[in-house]
C-alpha atoms as a PDB file:
ATOM      1  CA  MET A   1     -29.246 102.117  -2.522  1.00  0.00           C
ATOM      2  CA  ALA A   2     -26.513 101.904  -5.139  1.00  0.00           C
ATOM      3  CA  TYR A   3     -26.673  99.165  -7.721  1.00  0.00           C
ATOM      4  CA  LYS A   4     -23.623  97.034  -8.368  1.00  0.00           C
ATOM      5  CA  LYS A   5     -22.471  96.873 -11.950  1.00  0.00           C
ATOM      6  CA  LYS A   6     -22.593  93.362 -13.303  1.00  0.00           C
ATOM      7  CA  SER A   7     -19.315  92.265 -14.823  1.00  0.00           C
ATOM      8  CA  LYS A   8     -19.442  90.998 -18.380  1.00  0.00           C
ATOM      9  CA  LYS A   9     -19.126  87.282 -18.963  1.00  0.00           C
ATOM     10  CA  VAL A  10     -15.659  86.573 -20.248  1.00  0.00           C
ATOM     11  CA  LYS A  11     -15.487  84.357 -23.332  1.00  0.00           C
ATOM     12  CA  ARG A  12     -13.110  81.548 -22.533  1.00  0.00           C
ATOM     13  CA  LYS A  13     -10.437  80.532 -25.005  1.00  0.00           C
ATOM     14  CA  VAL A  14      -9.913  76.800 -24.579  1.00  0.00           C
ATOM     15  CA  ASP A  15      -7.834  74.532 -26.810  1.00  0.00           C
ATOM     16  CA  SER A  16      -8.927  71.061 -25.666  1.00  0.00           C
ATOM     17  CA  VAL A  17     -12.050  69.883 -23.846  1.00  0.00           C
ATOM     18  CA  VAL A  18     -13.689  66.700 -22.567  1.00  0.00           C
ATOM     19  CA  ALA A  19     -17.183  65.768 -23.795  1.00  0.00           C
ATOM     20  CA  HIS A  20     -19.190  63.608 -21.364  1.00  0.00           C
ATOM     21  CA  ILE A  21     -22.024  61.887 -23.271  1.00  0.00           C
ATOM     22  CA  LYS A  22     -24.658  60.008 -21.278  1.00  0.00           C
ATOM     23  CA  SER A  23     -27.000  58.185 -23.597  1.00  0.00           C
ATOM     24  CA  THR A  24     -29.998  56.415 -22.094  1.00  0.00           C
ATOM     25  CA  PHE A  25     -32.947  54.827 -23.882  1.00  0.00           C
ATOM     26  CA  ASN A  26     -35.061  57.915 -23.142  1.00  0.00           C
ATOM     27  CA  ASN A  27     -32.643  60.847 -23.474  1.00  0.00           C
ATOM     28  CA  THR A  28     -29.138  61.978 -24.446  1.00  0.00           C
ATOM     29  CA  LEU A  29     -27.193  64.342 -22.170  1.00  0.00           C
ATOM     30  CA  VAL A  30     -23.938  66.019 -23.245  1.00  0.00           C
ATOM     31  CA  ALA A  31     -21.669  68.099 -20.999  1.00  0.00           C
ATOM     32  CA  ILE A  32     -18.549  69.841 -22.322  1.00  0.00           C
ATOM     33  CA  THR A  33     -15.930  70.397 -19.619  1.00  0.00           C
ATOM     34  CA  THR A  34     -12.357  71.590 -19.406  1.00  0.00           C
ATOM     35  CA  THR A  35      -9.703  69.003 -18.650  1.00  0.00           C
ATOM     36  CA  ASP A  36      -9.940  70.093 -14.982  1.00  0.00           C
ATOM     37  CA  GLY A  37     -13.683  69.391 -14.901  1.00  0.00           C
ATOM     38  CA  ASP A  38     -15.218  72.886 -15.086  1.00  0.00           C
ATOM     39  CA  VAL A  39     -18.432  72.736 -17.129  1.00  0.00           C
ATOM     40  CA  LEU A  40     -18.390  75.036 -20.164  1.00  0.00           C
ATOM     41  CA  LEU A  41     -21.465  73.926 -22.135  1.00  0.00           C
ATOM     42  CA  ARG A  42     -24.387  71.559 -21.668  1.00  0.00           C
ATOM     43  CA  GLY A  43     -27.005  70.159 -23.981  1.00  0.00           C
ATOM     44  CA  SER A  44     -29.849  67.665 -23.904  1.00  0.00           C
ATOM     45  CA  ALA A  45     -32.773  66.602 -26.022  1.00  0.00           C
ATOM     46  CA  GLY A  46     -35.263  68.152 -23.597  1.00  0.00           C
ATOM     47  CA  LYS A  47     -33.413  71.475 -23.638  1.00  0.00           C
ATOM     48  CA  MET A  48     -33.838  71.590 -27.426  1.00  0.00           C
ATOM     49  CA  GLY A  49     -37.613  71.258 -27.092  1.00  0.00           C
ATOM     50  CA  PHE A  50     -38.141  67.593 -27.932  1.00  0.00           C
ATOM     51  CA  LYS A  51     -40.582  65.612 -25.808  1.00  0.00           C
ATOM     52  CA  GLY A  52     -41.453  61.994 -25.187  1.00  0.00           C
ATOM     53  CA  ALA A  53     -40.042  59.141 -27.217  1.00  0.00           C
ATOM     54  CA  ARG A  54     -38.281  61.433 -29.706  1.00  0.00           C
ATOM     55  CA  LYS A  55     -35.718  62.466 -27.072  1.00  0.00           C
ATOM     56  CA  GLY A  56     -33.911  59.123 -27.295  1.00  0.00           C
ATOM     57  CA  THR A  57     -33.458  59.079 -31.080  1.00  0.00           C
ATOM     58  CA  PRO A  58     -30.135  59.359 -32.931  1.00  0.00           C
ATOM     59  CA  PHE A  59     -31.453  62.306 -34.963  1.00  0.00           C
ATOM     60  CA  VAL A  60     -31.890  64.476 -31.880  1.00  0.00           C
ATOM     61  CA  ALA A  61     -28.465  63.422 -30.559  1.00  0.00           C
ATOM     62  CA  GLY A  62     -26.902  64.623 -33.815  1.00  0.00           C
ATOM     63  CA  GLN A  63     -28.710  67.945 -33.449  1.00  0.00           C
ATOM     64  CA  ILE A  64     -27.314  68.358 -29.916  1.00  0.00           C
ATOM     65  CA  GLY A  65     -23.795  67.614 -31.173  1.00  0.00           C
ATOM     66  CA  GLY A  66     -24.103  70.124 -34.005  1.00  0.00           C
ATOM     67  CA  ILE A  67     -25.218  72.977 -31.755  1.00  0.00           C
ATOM     68  CA  LEU A  68     -22.527  72.263 -29.150  1.00  0.00           C
ATOM     69  CA  ALA A  69     -19.850  71.996 -31.868  1.00  0.00           C
ATOM     70  CA  LYS A  70     -20.817  75.431 -33.171  1.00  0.00           C
ATOM     71  CA  ASP A  71     -20.521  76.916 -29.666  1.00  0.00           C
ATOM     72  CA  MET A  72     -17.180  75.179 -29.114  1.00  0.00           C
ATOM     73  CA  GLN A  73     -15.737  76.592 -32.340  1.00  0.00           C
ATOM     74  CA  ALA A  74     -16.546  80.079 -31.034  1.00  0.00           C
ATOM     75  CA  MET A  75     -14.419  79.241 -27.969  1.00  0.00           C
ATOM     76  CA  GLY A  76     -11.520  78.094 -30.147  1.00  0.00           C
ATOM     77  CA  VAL A  77     -11.710  74.391 -29.302  1.00  0.00           C
ATOM     78  CA  LYS A  78      -9.683  72.097 -31.564  1.00  0.00           C
ATOM     79  CA  ASN A  79      -9.241  68.776 -29.656  1.00  0.00           C
ATOM     80  CA  ILE A  80     -11.888  66.718 -27.882  1.00  0.00           C
ATOM     81  CA  GLU A  81     -11.717  63.729 -25.563  1.00  0.00           C
ATOM     82  CA  ILE A  82     -15.027  61.879 -25.490  1.00  0.00           C
ATOM     83  CA  ASN A  83     -16.402  59.810 -22.594  1.00  0.00           C
ATOM     84  CA  LEU A  84     -19.388  57.689 -23.653  1.00  0.00           C
ATOM     85  CA  GLN A  85     -21.736  56.281 -21.028  1.00  0.00           C
ATOM     86  CA  GLY A  86     -24.901  54.210 -21.343  1.00  0.00           C
ATOM     87  CA  PRO A  87     -26.579  51.895 -23.856  1.00  0.00           C
ATOM     88  CA  GLY A  88     -28.676  54.438 -25.797  1.00  0.00           C
ATOM     89  CA  SER A  89     -28.887  54.952 -29.541  1.00  0.00           C
ATOM     90  CA  GLY A  90     -27.568  58.528 -29.475  1.00  0.00           C
ATOM     91  CA  ARG A  91     -23.956  57.644 -28.638  1.00  0.00           C
ATOM     92  CA  ASP A  92     -22.589  57.464 -32.174  1.00  0.00           C
ATOM     93  CA  SER A  93     -24.602  60.377 -33.557  1.00  0.00           C
ATOM     94  CA  VAL A  94     -23.013  62.924 -31.219  1.00  0.00           C
ATOM     95  CA  VAL A  95     -19.525  61.696 -32.135  1.00  0.00           C
ATOM     96  CA  ARG A  96     -20.349  61.937 -35.850  1.00  0.00           C
ATOM     97  CA  ALA A  97     -21.664  65.463 -35.363  1.00  0.00           C
ATOM     98  CA  PHE A  98     -18.408  66.522 -33.688  1.00  0.00           C
ATOM     99  CA  GLN A  99     -16.381  64.947 -36.502  1.00  0.00           C
ATOM    100  CA  GLY A 100     -18.543  66.591 -39.136  1.00  0.00           C
ATOM    101  CA  ALA A 101     -17.917  69.990 -37.561  1.00  0.00           C
ATOM    102  CA  GLY A 102     -14.162  69.529 -38.024  1.00  0.00           C
ATOM    103  CA  MET A 103     -13.179  68.726 -34.438  1.00  0.00           C
ATOM    104  CA  HIS A 104     -10.190  66.441 -33.799  1.00  0.00           C
ATOM    105  CA  ILE A 105     -11.158  63.559 -31.500  1.00  0.00           C
ATOM    106  CA  SER A 106      -8.082  62.473 -29.556  1.00  0.00           C
ATOM    107  CA  VAL A 107      -9.614  59.870 -27.182  1.00  0.00           C
ATOM    108  CA  LEU A 108     -12.853  57.900 -27.425  1.00  0.00           C
ATOM    109  CA  ARG A 109     -13.490  56.230 -24.057  1.00  0.00           C
ATOM    110  CA  ASP A 110     -16.403  54.046 -22.888  1.00  0.00           C
ATOM    111  CA  VAL A 111     -17.063  54.656 -19.182  1.00  0.00           C
ATOM    112  CA  THR A 112     -20.300  52.670 -18.835  1.00  0.00           C
ATOM    113  CA  PRO A 113     -20.418  51.158 -15.335  1.00  0.00           C
ATOM    114  CA  LEU A 114     -20.500  47.345 -15.376  1.00  0.00           C
ATOM    115  CA  PRO A 115     -21.366  45.312 -12.260  1.00  0.00           C
ATOM    116  CA  HIS A 116     -18.738  42.766 -11.233  1.00  0.00           C
ATOM    117  CA  ASN A 117     -21.385  40.552  -9.712  1.00  0.00           C
ATOM    118  CA  GLY A 118     -24.196  42.956  -8.910  1.00  0.00           C
ATOM    119  CA  CYS A 119     -26.985  42.758  -6.369  1.00  0.00           C
ATOM    120  CA  ARG A 120     -28.388  39.577  -4.937  1.00  0.00           C
ATOM    121  CA  PRO A 121     -31.320  38.409  -7.083  1.00  0.00           C
ATOM    122  CA  PRO A 122     -34.809  38.183  -5.542  1.00  0.00           C
ATOM    123  CA  LYS A 123     -35.852  34.864  -4.040  1.00  0.00           C
ATOM    124  CA  LYS A 124     -37.552  32.256  -6.211  1.00  0.00           C
ATOM    125  CA  ARG A 125     -41.300  32.815  -6.729  1.00  0.00           C
ATOM    126  CA  ARG A 126     -43.596  30.210  -5.158  1.00  0.00           C
ATOM    127  CA  VAL A 127     -46.996  29.777  -6.748  1.00  0.00           C
END
């Protein structure tokens, strides 16, 4: 049986990307996509080897941002749009890491979902 040759991964040259940052109390997730929505890079605190309560800290979020910024510079990225989601403490650290790496942030958008009136509360407790 003949083996198929695997084609080499092509390094993409992208000028502007969108960074989707989801920051919860327990973790920080970052996905770098093209403007069309194709995922280029991903990073999280767990992927970097941190466990437990340390995953939600601003220090780890800055580390994630630094590593992703280095990978983005290899792709030729200059402009970033940032979508922030969630109440966690790692939101600002990722943005600072991107700025520190010399990226130009064009849009900083908060896309945290807010309930207009939410679910019906549970009935009153009778004791």
